[in-house]
């Protein structure tokens, strides 16, 4: 009986020590929203979109500053977009645009991401609006976390969206900016479609 009491006493002492050790091996619990956002972007650029979503979600939930909350939603929106979860991405980007305190570079990232997502959802007029606003905010735009996403790509997206809406003059104008060496572009639908396809192949 005495031996059993000693064993229970040892177990009782070891249980809290074990819990403390387990918590100390979980540094994630101590990460600030800024650190979670930084890690989220690192995971995003590595193609770890599920993990990036988790980091951005935790950063958003723990942030109090509008700038951090909007950046977290921006990152999660891009992560959802690359996971082809376009409705979720649209929701996050839209929320990010409405947060007071959002920084200008974040807002441009959000608009660019939202433009691509809206195109994928076949909301072409809304896509045009966001892509054009992104280029007004930064005519030389380049997404810091994917070098393929540039102002040039946004201009081609505008041409695609305008074409889809039957705005052939606007599509031709966007192609002139996308490929000035071949300007002026014809507003003929067949010629426009061929020019857009050439543009896509050149990216």
N, C-alpha and C. Protein backbone atom coordinates (compact mmCIF):
# COMPACT_ATOMS: atom_id res chain seq x y z
N UNK A 1 0.83 -1.20 0.00
CA UNK A 1 0.00 0.00 0.00
C UNK A 1 0.87 1.25 0.00
N UNK A 2 1.94 1.20 0.82
CA UNK A 2 2.86 2.34 0.87
C UNK A 2 3.53 2.54 -0.48
N UNK A 3 3.90 1.41 -1.12
CA UNK A 3 4.55 1.50 -2.43
C UNK A 3 3.60 2.14 -3.44
N UNK A 4 2.33 1.79 -3.39
CA UNK A 4 1.35 2.35 -4.31
C UNK A 4 1.20 3.85 -4.10
N UNK A 5 1.21 4.29 -2.83
CA UNK A 5 1.11 5.72 -2.55
C UNK A 5 2.31 6.48 -3.09
N UNK A 6 3.53 5.86 -2.93
CA UNK A 6 4.74 6.51 -3.46
C UNK A 6 4.64 6.65 -4.98
N UNK A 7 4.15 5.58 -5.68
CA UNK A 7 4.03 5.61 -7.13
C UNK A 7 3.07 6.70 -7.58
N UNK A 8 1.92 6.81 -6.88
CA UNK A 8 0.95 7.86 -7.22
C UNK A 8 1.54 9.25 -7.01
N UNK A 9 2.34 9.40 -5.94
CA UNK A 9 2.97 10.69 -5.67
C UNK A 9 3.93 11.07 -6.78
N UNK A 10 4.71 10.08 -7.28
CA UNK A 10 5.67 10.35 -8.37
C UNK A 10 4.93 10.73 -9.64
N UNK A 11 3.86 9.98 -9.96
CA UNK A 11 3.09 10.27 -11.17
C UNK A 11 2.47 11.66 -11.07
N UNK A 12 1.95 12.00 -9.89
CA UNK A 12 1.33 13.31 -9.70
C UNK A 12 2.33 14.43 -9.92
N UNK A 13 3.56 14.23 -9.51
CA UNK A 13 4.60 15.24 -9.70
C UNK A 13 5.02 15.32 -11.16
N UNK A 14 5.09 14.18 -11.83
CA UNK A 14 5.59 14.15 -13.21
C UNK A 14 4.59 14.70 -14.21
N UNK A 15 3.28 14.56 -13.92
CA UNK A 15 2.28 15.01 -14.90
C UNK A 15 2.42 16.50 -15.21
N UNK A 16 2.46 17.40 -14.21
CA UNK A 16 2.61 18.81 -14.56
C UNK A 16 3.95 19.12 -15.22
N UNK A 17 5.02 18.37 -14.85
CA UNK A 17 6.30 18.59 -15.50
C UNK A 17 6.21 18.21 -16.97
N UNK A 18 5.52 17.10 -17.24
CA UNK A 18 5.35 16.67 -18.61
C UNK A 18 4.58 17.70 -19.43
N UNK A 19 3.53 18.25 -18.86
CA UNK A 19 2.75 19.26 -19.56
C UNK A 19 3.58 20.49 -19.84
N UNK A 20 4.40 20.89 -18.86
CA UNK A 20 5.24 22.06 -19.04
C UNK A 20 6.24 21.84 -20.16
N UNK A 21 6.81 20.66 -20.23
CA UNK A 21 7.77 20.37 -21.28
C UNK A 21 7.10 20.41 -22.64
N UNK A 22 5.88 19.86 -22.72
CA UNK A 22 5.19 19.85 -24.00
C UNK A 22 4.89 21.27 -24.47
N UNK A 23 4.46 22.13 -23.57
CA UNK A 23 4.17 23.51 -23.94
C UNK A 23 5.42 24.24 -24.38
N UNK A 24 6.54 23.95 -23.75
CA UNK A 24 7.76 24.66 -24.10
C UNK A 24 8.27 24.29 -25.48
N UNK A 25 7.81 23.15 -26.01
CA UNK A 25 8.23 22.75 -27.36
C UNK A 25 7.25 23.28 -28.40
N UNK A 26 6.33 24.13 -27.99
CA UNK A 26 5.37 24.70 -28.93
C UNK A 26 5.58 26.22 -29.03
N UNK A 27 6.68 26.65 -29.66
CA UNK A 27 6.96 28.09 -29.75
C UNK A 27 5.91 28.84 -30.56
N UNK A 28 5.11 28.12 -31.37
CA UNK A 28 4.05 28.77 -32.14
C UNK A 28 3.12 29.57 -31.24
N UNK A 29 2.90 29.09 -30.03
CA UNK A 29 1.97 29.75 -29.12
C UNK A 29 2.45 31.12 -28.72
N UNK A 30 3.75 31.39 -28.88
CA UNK A 30 4.32 32.65 -28.45
C UNK A 30 4.52 33.62 -29.61
N UNK A 31 4.20 33.18 -30.84
CA UNK A 31 4.44 34.04 -31.99
C UNK A 31 3.46 35.22 -32.01
N UNK A 32 3.97 36.40 -32.34
CA UNK A 32 3.13 37.58 -32.46
C UNK A 32 2.43 37.56 -33.82
N UNK A 33 1.39 38.38 -33.99
CA UNK A 33 0.75 38.46 -35.31
C UNK A 33 1.73 38.82 -36.42
N UNK A 34 2.69 39.71 -36.13
CA UNK A 34 3.69 40.07 -37.13
C UNK A 34 4.51 38.85 -37.55
N UNK A 35 4.91 38.05 -36.55
CA UNK A 35 5.72 36.86 -36.84
C UNK A 35 4.90 35.81 -37.58
N UNK A 36 3.63 35.67 -37.23
CA UNK A 36 2.78 34.73 -37.94
C UNK A 36 2.57 35.14 -39.39
N UNK A 37 2.42 36.43 -39.62
CA UNK A 37 2.27 36.93 -40.99
C UNK A 37 3.54 36.66 -41.79
N UNK A 38 4.70 36.94 -41.20
CA UNK A 38 5.96 36.69 -41.89
C UNK A 38 6.11 35.20 -42.23
N UNK A 39 5.77 34.36 -41.28
CA UNK A 39 5.88 32.92 -41.54
C UNK A 39 4.84 32.47 -42.56
N UNK A 40 3.67 33.08 -42.50
CA UNK A 40 2.64 32.75 -43.48
C UNK A 40 3.09 33.04 -44.90
N UNK A 41 3.74 34.19 -45.09
CA UNK A 41 4.23 34.52 -46.43
C UNK A 41 5.36 33.58 -46.85
N UNK A 42 6.22 33.22 -45.92
CA UNK A 42 7.28 32.26 -46.25
C UNK A 42 6.67 30.93 -46.69
N UNK A 43 5.64 30.49 -46.00
CA UNK A 43 4.99 29.24 -46.38
C UNK A 43 4.26 29.40 -47.71
N UNK A 44 3.67 30.55 -47.92
CA UNK A 44 2.99 30.81 -49.19
C UNK A 44 3.96 30.69 -50.35
N UNK A 45 5.12 31.34 -50.25
CA UNK A 45 6.09 31.29 -51.34
C UNK A 45 6.68 29.90 -51.53
N UNK A 46 6.58 29.06 -50.50
CA UNK A 46 7.04 27.68 -50.61
C UNK A 46 5.95 26.74 -51.11
N UNK A 47 4.77 27.28 -51.37
CA UNK A 47 3.67 26.46 -51.85
C UNK A 47 2.91 25.73 -50.77
N UNK A 48 3.16 26.10 -49.52
CA UNK A 48 2.48 25.45 -48.39
C UNK A 48 1.23 26.26 -48.04
N UNK A 49 0.25 26.20 -48.89
CA UNK A 49 -0.90 27.10 -48.76
C UNK A 49 -1.79 26.75 -47.58
N UNK A 50 -1.94 25.49 -47.25
CA UNK A 50 -2.75 25.12 -46.08
C UNK A 50 -2.14 25.68 -44.81
N UNK A 51 -0.82 25.51 -44.67
CA UNK A 51 -0.13 26.02 -43.49
C UNK A 51 -0.16 27.55 -43.45
N UNK A 52 -0.05 28.16 -44.63
CA UNK A 52 -0.11 29.62 -44.70
C UNK A 52 -1.48 30.12 -44.23
N UNK A 53 -2.53 29.45 -44.66
CA UNK A 53 -3.89 29.82 -44.22
C UNK A 53 -3.97 29.78 -42.70
N UNK A 54 -3.41 28.75 -42.09
CA UNK A 54 -3.45 28.64 -40.63
C UNK A 54 -2.72 29.82 -39.97
N UNK A 55 -1.54 30.16 -40.49
CA UNK A 55 -0.78 31.27 -39.91
C UNK A 55 -1.52 32.59 -40.05
N UNK A 56 -2.05 32.85 -41.24
CA UNK A 56 -2.75 34.11 -41.46
C UNK A 56 -4.03 34.19 -40.63
N UNK A 57 -4.68 33.06 -40.45
CA UNK A 57 -5.90 33.05 -39.63
C UNK A 57 -5.57 33.39 -38.18
N UNK A 58 -4.53 32.78 -37.65
CA UNK A 58 -4.13 33.07 -36.27
C UNK A 58 -3.66 34.51 -36.12
N UNK A 59 -2.96 35.02 -37.13
CA UNK A 59 -2.51 36.41 -37.08
C UNK A 59 -3.70 37.36 -37.07
N UNK A 60 -4.68 37.09 -37.90
CA UNK A 60 -5.87 37.94 -37.95
C UNK A 60 -6.63 37.91 -36.63
N UNK A 61 -6.75 36.72 -36.08
CA UNK A 61 -7.50 36.58 -34.82
C UNK A 61 -6.79 37.25 -33.65
N UNK A 62 -5.47 37.34 -33.71
CA UNK A 62 -4.71 37.90 -32.60
C UNK A 62 -4.34 39.36 -32.77
N UNK A 63 -4.59 39.91 -33.96
CA UNK A 63 -4.17 41.29 -34.23
C UNK A 63 -5.21 42.29 -33.76
N UNK A 64 -4.72 43.44 -33.32
CA UNK A 64 -5.61 44.54 -32.96
C UNK A 64 -5.49 45.71 -33.92
N UNK A 65 -4.33 45.86 -34.55
CA UNK A 65 -4.12 46.94 -35.50
C UNK A 65 -4.78 46.61 -36.84
N UNK A 66 -5.41 47.60 -37.43
CA UNK A 66 -6.05 47.40 -38.72
C UNK A 66 -5.06 46.99 -39.80
N UNK A 67 -3.86 47.55 -39.74
CA UNK A 67 -2.85 47.22 -40.75
C UNK A 67 -2.48 45.74 -40.71
N UNK A 68 -2.41 45.16 -39.53
CA UNK A 68 -2.07 43.75 -39.41
C UNK A 68 -3.25 42.86 -39.78
N UNK A 69 -4.43 43.26 -39.38
CA UNK A 69 -5.61 42.46 -39.72
C UNK A 69 -5.81 42.43 -41.23
N UNK A 70 -5.63 43.56 -41.90
CA UNK A 70 -5.81 43.58 -43.35
C UNK A 70 -4.72 42.79 -44.05
N UNK A 71 -3.48 42.86 -43.54
CA UNK A 71 -2.39 42.09 -44.15
C UNK A 71 -2.61 40.59 -43.97
N UNK A 72 -3.13 40.21 -42.81
CA UNK A 72 -3.43 38.79 -42.57
C UNK A 72 -4.52 38.30 -43.52
N UNK A 73 -5.56 39.10 -43.73
CA UNK A 73 -6.62 38.72 -44.67
C UNK A 73 -6.09 38.72 -46.10
N UNK A 74 -5.20 39.65 -46.41
CA UNK A 74 -4.57 39.67 -47.72
C UNK A 74 -3.83 38.36 -47.98
N UNK A 75 -3.00 37.96 -47.01
CA UNK A 75 -2.25 36.72 -47.17
C UNK A 75 -3.14 35.51 -47.26
N UNK A 76 -4.19 35.48 -46.44
CA UNK A 76 -5.09 34.33 -46.49
C UNK A 76 -5.87 34.31 -47.79
N UNK A 77 -6.23 35.50 -48.29
CA UNK A 77 -6.93 35.58 -49.57
C UNK A 77 -6.10 35.02 -50.71
N UNK A 78 -4.83 35.42 -50.76
CA UNK A 78 -3.94 34.89 -51.80
C UNK A 78 -3.76 33.38 -51.64
N UNK A 79 -3.65 32.92 -50.41
CA UNK A 79 -3.48 31.48 -50.16
C UNK A 79 -4.71 30.71 -50.64
N UNK A 80 -5.89 31.22 -50.32
CA UNK A 80 -7.11 30.58 -50.81
C UNK A 80 -7.16 30.60 -52.34
N UNK A 81 -6.76 31.73 -52.93
CA UNK A 81 -6.78 31.83 -54.38
C UNK A 81 -5.89 30.78 -55.03
N UNK A 82 -4.71 30.57 -54.44
CA UNK A 82 -3.79 29.59 -55.01
C UNK A 82 -4.25 28.17 -54.73
N UNK A 83 -5.14 28.01 -53.77
CA UNK A 83 -5.79 26.72 -53.53
C UNK A 83 -7.06 26.58 -54.39
N UNK A 84 -7.33 27.61 -55.20
CA UNK A 84 -8.48 27.66 -56.09
C UNK A 84 -9.81 27.68 -55.31
N UNK A 85 -9.76 28.20 -54.12
CA UNK A 85 -10.97 28.42 -53.34
C UNK A 85 -11.36 29.89 -53.51
N UNK A 86 -11.89 30.19 -54.69
CA UNK A 86 -12.05 31.58 -55.10
C UNK A 86 -13.11 32.33 -54.30
N UNK A 87 -14.16 31.66 -53.89
CA UNK A 87 -15.19 32.34 -53.10
C UNK A 87 -14.65 32.78 -51.75
N UNK A 88 -13.89 31.91 -51.11
CA UNK A 88 -13.26 32.28 -49.84
C UNK A 88 -12.26 33.40 -50.04
N UNK A 89 -11.49 33.33 -51.11
CA UNK A 89 -10.51 34.38 -51.39
C UNK A 89 -11.21 35.72 -51.59
N UNK A 90 -12.29 35.71 -52.37
CA UNK A 90 -13.04 36.95 -52.60
C UNK A 90 -13.54 37.53 -51.28
N UNK A 91 -14.03 36.70 -50.39
CA UNK A 91 -14.53 37.17 -49.10
C UNK A 91 -13.42 37.83 -48.29
N UNK A 92 -12.25 37.19 -48.24
CA UNK A 92 -11.14 37.76 -47.46
C UNK A 92 -10.65 39.07 -48.07
N UNK A 93 -10.51 39.11 -49.38
CA UNK A 93 -10.05 40.33 -50.04
C UNK A 93 -11.04 41.47 -49.81
N UNK A 94 -12.33 41.17 -49.91
CA UNK A 94 -13.35 42.20 -49.71
C UNK A 94 -13.33 42.73 -48.28
N UNK A 95 -13.18 41.83 -47.32
CA UNK A 95 -13.07 42.26 -45.92
C UNK A 95 -11.83 43.12 -45.71
N UNK A 96 -10.72 42.73 -46.32
CA UNK A 96 -9.47 43.48 -46.16
C UNK A 96 -9.60 44.91 -46.68
N UNK A 97 -10.31 45.08 -47.78
CA UNK A 97 -10.49 46.42 -48.35
C UNK A 97 -11.29 47.34 -47.45
N UNK A 98 -12.10 46.75 -46.59
CA UNK A 98 -12.99 47.55 -45.73
C UNK A 98 -12.42 47.83 -44.35
N UNK A 99 -11.19 47.38 -44.11
CA UNK A 99 -10.59 47.59 -42.79
C UNK A 99 -9.90 48.96 -42.74
N UNK A 100 -10.26 49.73 -41.75
CA UNK A 100 -9.62 51.04 -41.54
C UNK A 100 -8.19 50.81 -41.04
N UNK A 101 -7.26 51.53 -41.63
CA UNK A 101 -5.86 51.40 -41.22
C UNK A 101 -5.04 50.52 -42.14
N UNK A 102 -5.67 49.99 -43.18
CA UNK A 102 -4.94 49.18 -44.14
C UNK A 102 -3.89 50.04 -44.84
N UNK A 103 -2.68 49.50 -45.00
CA UNK A 103 -1.59 50.25 -45.62
C UNK A 103 -1.71 50.21 -47.14
N UNK A 104 -1.25 51.27 -47.85
CA UNK A 104 -1.40 51.31 -49.31
C UNK A 104 -0.84 50.10 -50.06
N UNK A 105 0.37 49.60 -49.72
CA UNK A 105 0.84 48.42 -50.46
C UNK A 105 -0.06 47.20 -50.28
N UNK A 106 -0.60 47.05 -49.07
CA UNK A 106 -1.52 45.94 -48.82
C UNK A 106 -2.78 46.09 -49.64
N UNK A 107 -3.31 47.30 -49.71
CA UNK A 107 -4.54 47.53 -50.47
C UNK A 107 -4.32 47.21 -51.95
N UNK A 108 -3.16 47.56 -52.48
CA UNK A 108 -2.90 47.26 -53.89
C UNK A 108 -2.77 45.76 -54.10
N UNK A 109 -2.09 45.07 -53.17
CA UNK A 109 -2.03 43.61 -53.24
C UNK A 109 -3.43 43.00 -53.23
N UNK A 110 -4.27 43.52 -52.35
CA UNK A 110 -5.63 43.01 -52.22
C UNK A 110 -6.40 43.22 -53.53
N UNK A 111 -6.29 44.42 -54.09
CA UNK A 111 -7.01 44.70 -55.33
C UNK A 111 -6.53 43.80 -56.47
N UNK A 112 -5.23 43.59 -56.55
CA UNK A 112 -4.68 42.73 -57.59
C UNK A 112 -5.18 41.30 -57.42
N UNK A 113 -5.09 40.78 -56.20
CA UNK A 113 -5.57 39.43 -55.94
C UNK A 113 -7.05 39.30 -56.21
N UNK A 114 -7.81 40.30 -55.79
CA UNK A 114 -9.26 40.27 -55.98
C UNK A 114 -9.61 40.30 -57.47
N UNK A 115 -8.83 41.05 -58.25
CA UNK A 115 -9.08 41.11 -59.69
C UNK A 115 -8.96 39.72 -60.33
N UNK A 116 -7.90 38.99 -59.99
CA UNK A 116 -7.72 37.66 -60.55
C UNK A 116 -8.82 36.71 -60.08
N UNK A 117 -9.20 36.83 -58.83
CA UNK A 117 -10.24 35.96 -58.28
C UNK A 117 -11.59 36.25 -58.95
N UNK A 118 -11.92 37.52 -59.12
CA UNK A 118 -13.18 37.89 -59.76
C UNK A 118 -13.23 37.41 -61.20
N UNK A 119 -12.10 37.45 -61.88
CA UNK A 119 -12.07 36.92 -63.25
C UNK A 119 -12.37 35.42 -63.24
N UNK A 120 -11.77 34.72 -62.29
CA UNK A 120 -12.00 33.27 -62.19
C UNK A 120 -13.46 32.97 -61.87
N UNK A 121 -14.12 33.89 -61.17
CA UNK A 121 -15.54 33.72 -60.84
C UNK A 121 -16.45 34.30 -61.92
N UNK A 122 -15.85 34.74 -63.03
CA UNK A 122 -16.57 35.29 -64.19
C UNK A 122 -17.32 36.58 -63.86
N UNK A 123 -16.78 37.33 -62.91
CA UNK A 123 -17.34 38.64 -62.57
C UNK A 123 -16.45 39.69 -63.23
N UNK A 124 -16.63 39.84 -64.53
CA UNK A 124 -15.65 40.56 -65.33
C UNK A 124 -15.66 42.06 -65.09
N UNK A 125 -16.84 42.66 -64.93
CA UNK A 125 -16.88 44.11 -64.66
C UNK A 125 -16.19 44.45 -63.35
N UNK A 126 -16.47 43.67 -62.32
CA UNK A 126 -15.82 43.90 -61.03
C UNK A 126 -14.32 43.67 -61.14
N UNK A 127 -13.93 42.67 -61.93
CA UNK A 127 -12.50 42.42 -62.16
C UNK A 127 -11.83 43.63 -62.78
N UNK A 128 -12.47 44.20 -63.81
CA UNK A 128 -11.92 45.39 -64.46
C UNK A 128 -11.71 46.52 -63.46
N UNK A 129 -12.69 46.75 -62.63
CA UNK A 129 -12.62 47.83 -61.64
C UNK A 129 -11.44 47.65 -60.69
N UNK A 130 -11.27 46.45 -60.15
CA UNK A 130 -10.18 46.21 -59.19
C UNK A 130 -8.81 46.26 -59.87
N UNK A 131 -8.69 45.67 -61.04
CA UNK A 131 -7.40 45.68 -61.74
C UNK A 131 -7.00 47.10 -62.11
N UNK A 132 -7.95 47.89 -62.60
CA UNK A 132 -7.65 49.27 -62.96
C UNK A 132 -7.25 50.10 -61.74
N UNK A 133 -7.96 49.91 -60.63
CA UNK A 133 -7.62 50.63 -59.41
C UNK A 133 -6.25 50.23 -58.88
N UNK A 134 -5.91 48.96 -58.99
CA UNK A 134 -4.58 48.51 -58.56
C UNK A 134 -3.49 49.21 -59.36
N UNK A 135 -3.71 49.37 -60.66
CA UNK A 135 -2.71 50.02 -61.51
C UNK A 135 -2.68 51.54 -61.30
N UNK A 136 -3.82 52.11 -60.93
CA UNK A 136 -3.82 53.54 -60.58
C UNK A 136 -2.98 53.75 -59.32
N UNK A 137 -3.14 52.85 -58.35
CA UNK A 137 -2.38 52.96 -57.10
C UNK A 137 -0.89 52.70 -57.33
N UNK A 138 -0.57 51.79 -58.23
CA UNK A 138 0.84 51.46 -58.50
C UNK A 138 0.98 50.99 -59.94
N UNK A 139 1.31 51.92 -60.87
CA UNK A 139 1.43 51.56 -62.29
C UNK A 139 2.54 50.54 -62.56
N UNK A 140 3.48 50.43 -61.65
CA UNK A 140 4.59 49.48 -61.82
C UNK A 140 4.46 48.30 -60.85
N UNK A 141 3.26 47.93 -60.56
CA UNK A 141 2.99 46.92 -59.54
C UNK A 141 3.71 45.60 -59.81
N UNK A 142 4.25 45.03 -58.72
CA UNK A 142 4.74 43.66 -58.73
C UNK A 142 4.48 43.06 -57.36
N UNK A 143 3.83 41.91 -57.35
CA UNK A 143 3.49 41.23 -56.10
C UNK A 143 4.78 40.70 -55.48
N UNK A 144 5.04 41.10 -54.24
CA UNK A 144 6.31 40.76 -53.59
C UNK A 144 6.46 39.26 -53.35
N UNK A 145 5.37 38.52 -53.35
CA UNK A 145 5.43 37.11 -52.97
C UNK A 145 5.26 36.16 -54.15
N UNK A 146 5.17 36.71 -55.35
CA UNK A 146 5.16 35.90 -56.58
C UNK A 146 5.52 36.84 -57.73
N UNK A 147 6.74 36.73 -58.22
CA UNK A 147 7.25 37.65 -59.23
C UNK A 147 6.49 37.57 -60.54
N UNK A 148 5.67 36.55 -60.73
CA UNK A 148 4.90 36.42 -61.97
C UNK A 148 3.73 37.39 -62.01
N UNK A 149 3.33 37.90 -60.86
CA UNK A 149 2.16 38.79 -60.78
C UNK A 149 2.65 40.23 -60.86
N UNK A 150 2.48 40.83 -62.03
CA UNK A 150 3.02 42.15 -62.30
C UNK A 150 1.95 43.07 -62.89
N UNK A 151 2.34 44.34 -63.04
CA UNK A 151 1.46 45.30 -63.71
C UNK A 151 1.16 44.84 -65.13
N UNK A 152 2.15 44.27 -65.79
CA UNK A 152 1.95 43.77 -67.16
C UNK A 152 0.89 42.68 -67.19
N UNK A 153 0.94 41.78 -66.23
CA UNK A 153 -0.05 40.71 -66.16
C UNK A 153 -1.43 41.27 -65.85
N UNK A 154 -1.50 42.30 -65.03
CA UNK A 154 -2.78 42.93 -64.75
C UNK A 154 -3.37 43.59 -66.00
N UNK A 155 -2.51 44.17 -66.83
CA UNK A 155 -3.00 44.80 -68.06
C UNK A 155 -3.56 43.76 -69.02
N UNK A 156 -2.92 42.61 -69.07
CA UNK A 156 -3.47 41.54 -69.90
C UNK A 156 -4.78 41.02 -69.31
N UNK A 157 -4.87 40.97 -67.99
CA UNK A 157 -6.12 40.57 -67.35
C UNK A 157 -7.25 41.54 -67.70
N UNK A 158 -6.94 42.82 -67.74
CA UNK A 158 -7.93 43.82 -68.13
C UNK A 158 -8.40 43.56 -69.56
N UNK A 159 -7.45 43.24 -70.44
CA UNK A 159 -7.83 42.93 -71.83
C UNK A 159 -8.74 41.71 -71.88
N UNK A 160 -8.43 40.70 -71.09
CA UNK A 160 -9.25 39.49 -71.07
C UNK A 160 -10.65 39.78 -70.55
N UNK A 161 -10.72 40.52 -69.44
CA UNK A 161 -12.02 40.83 -68.85
C UNK A 161 -12.85 41.72 -69.76
N UNK A 162 -12.21 42.70 -70.37
CA UNK A 162 -12.91 43.59 -71.30
C UNK A 162 -13.43 42.80 -72.51
N UNK A 163 -12.60 41.90 -73.01
CA UNK A 163 -13.03 41.06 -74.13
C UNK A 163 -14.23 40.22 -73.74
N UNK A 164 -14.19 39.64 -72.54
CA UNK A 164 -15.29 38.80 -72.08
C UNK A 164 -16.59 39.59 -71.97
N UNK A 165 -16.48 40.90 -71.71
CA UNK A 165 -17.67 41.75 -71.60
C UNK A 165 -18.07 42.37 -72.94
N UNK A 166 -17.31 42.06 -73.99
CA UNK A 166 -17.61 42.63 -75.29
C UNK A 166 -17.14 44.06 -75.46
N UNK A 167 -16.25 44.50 -74.58
CA UNK A 167 -15.70 45.87 -74.64
C UNK A 167 -14.42 45.82 -75.47
N UNK A 168 -14.56 45.70 -76.77
CA UNK A 168 -13.42 45.42 -77.62
C UNK A 168 -12.46 46.60 -77.75
N UNK A 169 -12.98 47.82 -77.73
CA UNK A 169 -12.09 48.99 -77.76
C UNK A 169 -11.23 49.04 -76.50
N UNK A 170 -11.87 48.77 -75.35
CA UNK A 170 -11.14 48.77 -74.09
C UNK A 170 -10.11 47.64 -74.05
N UNK A 171 -10.47 46.50 -74.60
CA UNK A 171 -9.52 45.38 -74.66
C UNK A 171 -8.32 45.74 -75.52
N UNK A 172 -8.58 46.39 -76.66
CA UNK A 172 -7.48 46.78 -77.55
C UNK A 172 -6.57 47.79 -76.86
N UNK A 173 -7.17 48.74 -76.12
CA UNK A 173 -6.39 49.73 -75.39
C UNK A 173 -5.50 49.08 -74.34
N UNK A 174 -6.05 48.09 -73.62
CA UNK A 174 -5.27 47.38 -72.61
C UNK A 174 -4.12 46.61 -73.25
N UNK A 175 -4.37 46.04 -74.42
CA UNK A 175 -3.30 45.32 -75.13
C UNK A 175 -2.22 46.28 -75.61
N UNK A 176 -2.60 47.50 -75.97
CA UNK A 176 -1.61 48.51 -76.36
C UNK A 176 -0.65 48.78 -75.21
N UNK A 177 -1.18 48.81 -73.98
CA UNK A 177 -0.33 49.03 -72.82
C UNK A 177 0.46 47.78 -72.45
N UNK A 178 -0.15 46.64 -72.65
CA UNK A 178 0.53 45.37 -72.37
C UNK A 178 1.67 45.13 -73.34
N UNK A 179 1.43 45.42 -74.61
CA UNK A 179 2.43 45.16 -75.66
C UNK A 179 2.52 46.37 -76.57
N UNK A 180 3.18 47.44 -76.09
CA UNK A 180 3.23 48.68 -76.88
C UNK A 180 3.96 48.51 -78.21
N UNK A 181 4.85 47.54 -78.31
CA UNK A 181 5.58 47.33 -79.57
C UNK A 181 4.65 46.94 -80.70
N UNK A 182 3.51 46.34 -80.36
CA UNK A 182 2.55 45.90 -81.39
C UNK A 182 1.36 46.83 -81.52
N UNK A 183 1.40 47.97 -80.82
CA UNK A 183 0.28 48.92 -80.88
C UNK A 183 0.30 49.66 -82.22
N UNK A 184 -0.88 50.09 -82.68
CA UNK A 184 -2.19 49.90 -82.06
C UNK A 184 -2.78 48.52 -82.39
N UNK A 185 -3.48 47.96 -81.44
CA UNK A 185 -4.12 46.68 -81.65
C UNK A 185 -5.52 46.88 -82.25
N UNK A 186 -5.89 45.98 -83.12
CA UNK A 186 -7.21 46.02 -83.73
C UNK A 186 -8.27 45.69 -82.69
N UNK A 187 -9.45 46.28 -82.87
CA UNK A 187 -10.57 45.96 -81.98
C UNK A 187 -11.45 44.84 -82.56
N UNK A 188 -10.98 44.24 -83.65
CA UNK A 188 -11.69 43.09 -84.21
C UNK A 188 -11.63 41.93 -83.23
N UNK A 189 -12.76 41.31 -82.89
CA UNK A 189 -12.78 40.25 -81.88
C UNK A 189 -11.82 39.10 -82.17
N UNK A 190 -11.74 38.67 -83.43
CA UNK A 190 -10.85 37.55 -83.76
C UNK A 190 -9.40 37.97 -83.56
N UNK A 191 -9.04 39.17 -84.01
CA UNK A 191 -7.68 39.65 -83.85
C UNK A 191 -7.34 39.85 -82.37
N UNK A 192 -8.31 40.34 -81.62
CA UNK A 192 -8.10 40.52 -80.18
C UNK A 192 -7.86 39.20 -79.48
N UNK A 193 -8.66 38.22 -79.81
CA UNK A 193 -8.52 36.91 -79.18
C UNK A 193 -7.15 36.31 -79.46
N UNK A 194 -6.68 36.45 -80.69
CA UNK A 194 -5.36 35.94 -81.05
C UNK A 194 -4.27 36.69 -80.29
N UNK A 195 -4.43 38.02 -80.16
CA UNK A 195 -3.44 38.84 -79.45
C UNK A 195 -3.40 38.47 -77.97
N UNK A 196 -4.57 38.24 -77.38
CA UNK A 196 -4.63 37.85 -75.98
C UNK A 196 -3.95 36.50 -75.79
N UNK A 197 -4.20 35.57 -76.72
CA UNK A 197 -3.57 34.23 -76.60
C UNK A 197 -2.06 34.35 -76.73
N UNK A 198 -1.59 35.20 -77.63
CA UNK A 198 -0.14 35.41 -77.74
C UNK A 198 0.41 36.00 -76.45
N UNK A 199 -0.35 36.93 -75.88
CA UNK A 199 0.09 37.53 -74.63
C UNK A 199 0.20 36.50 -73.51
N UNK A 200 -0.80 35.64 -73.41
CA UNK A 200 -0.76 34.59 -72.37
C UNK A 200 0.44 33.65 -72.58
N UNK A 201 0.72 33.34 -73.82
CA UNK A 201 1.84 32.45 -74.11
C UNK A 201 3.19 33.09 -73.81
N UNK A 202 3.20 34.44 -73.78
CA UNK A 202 4.46 35.15 -73.54
C UNK A 202 4.79 35.31 -72.07
N UNK A 203 3.83 35.04 -71.21
CA UNK A 203 4.05 35.25 -69.77
C UNK A 203 4.86 34.12 -69.17
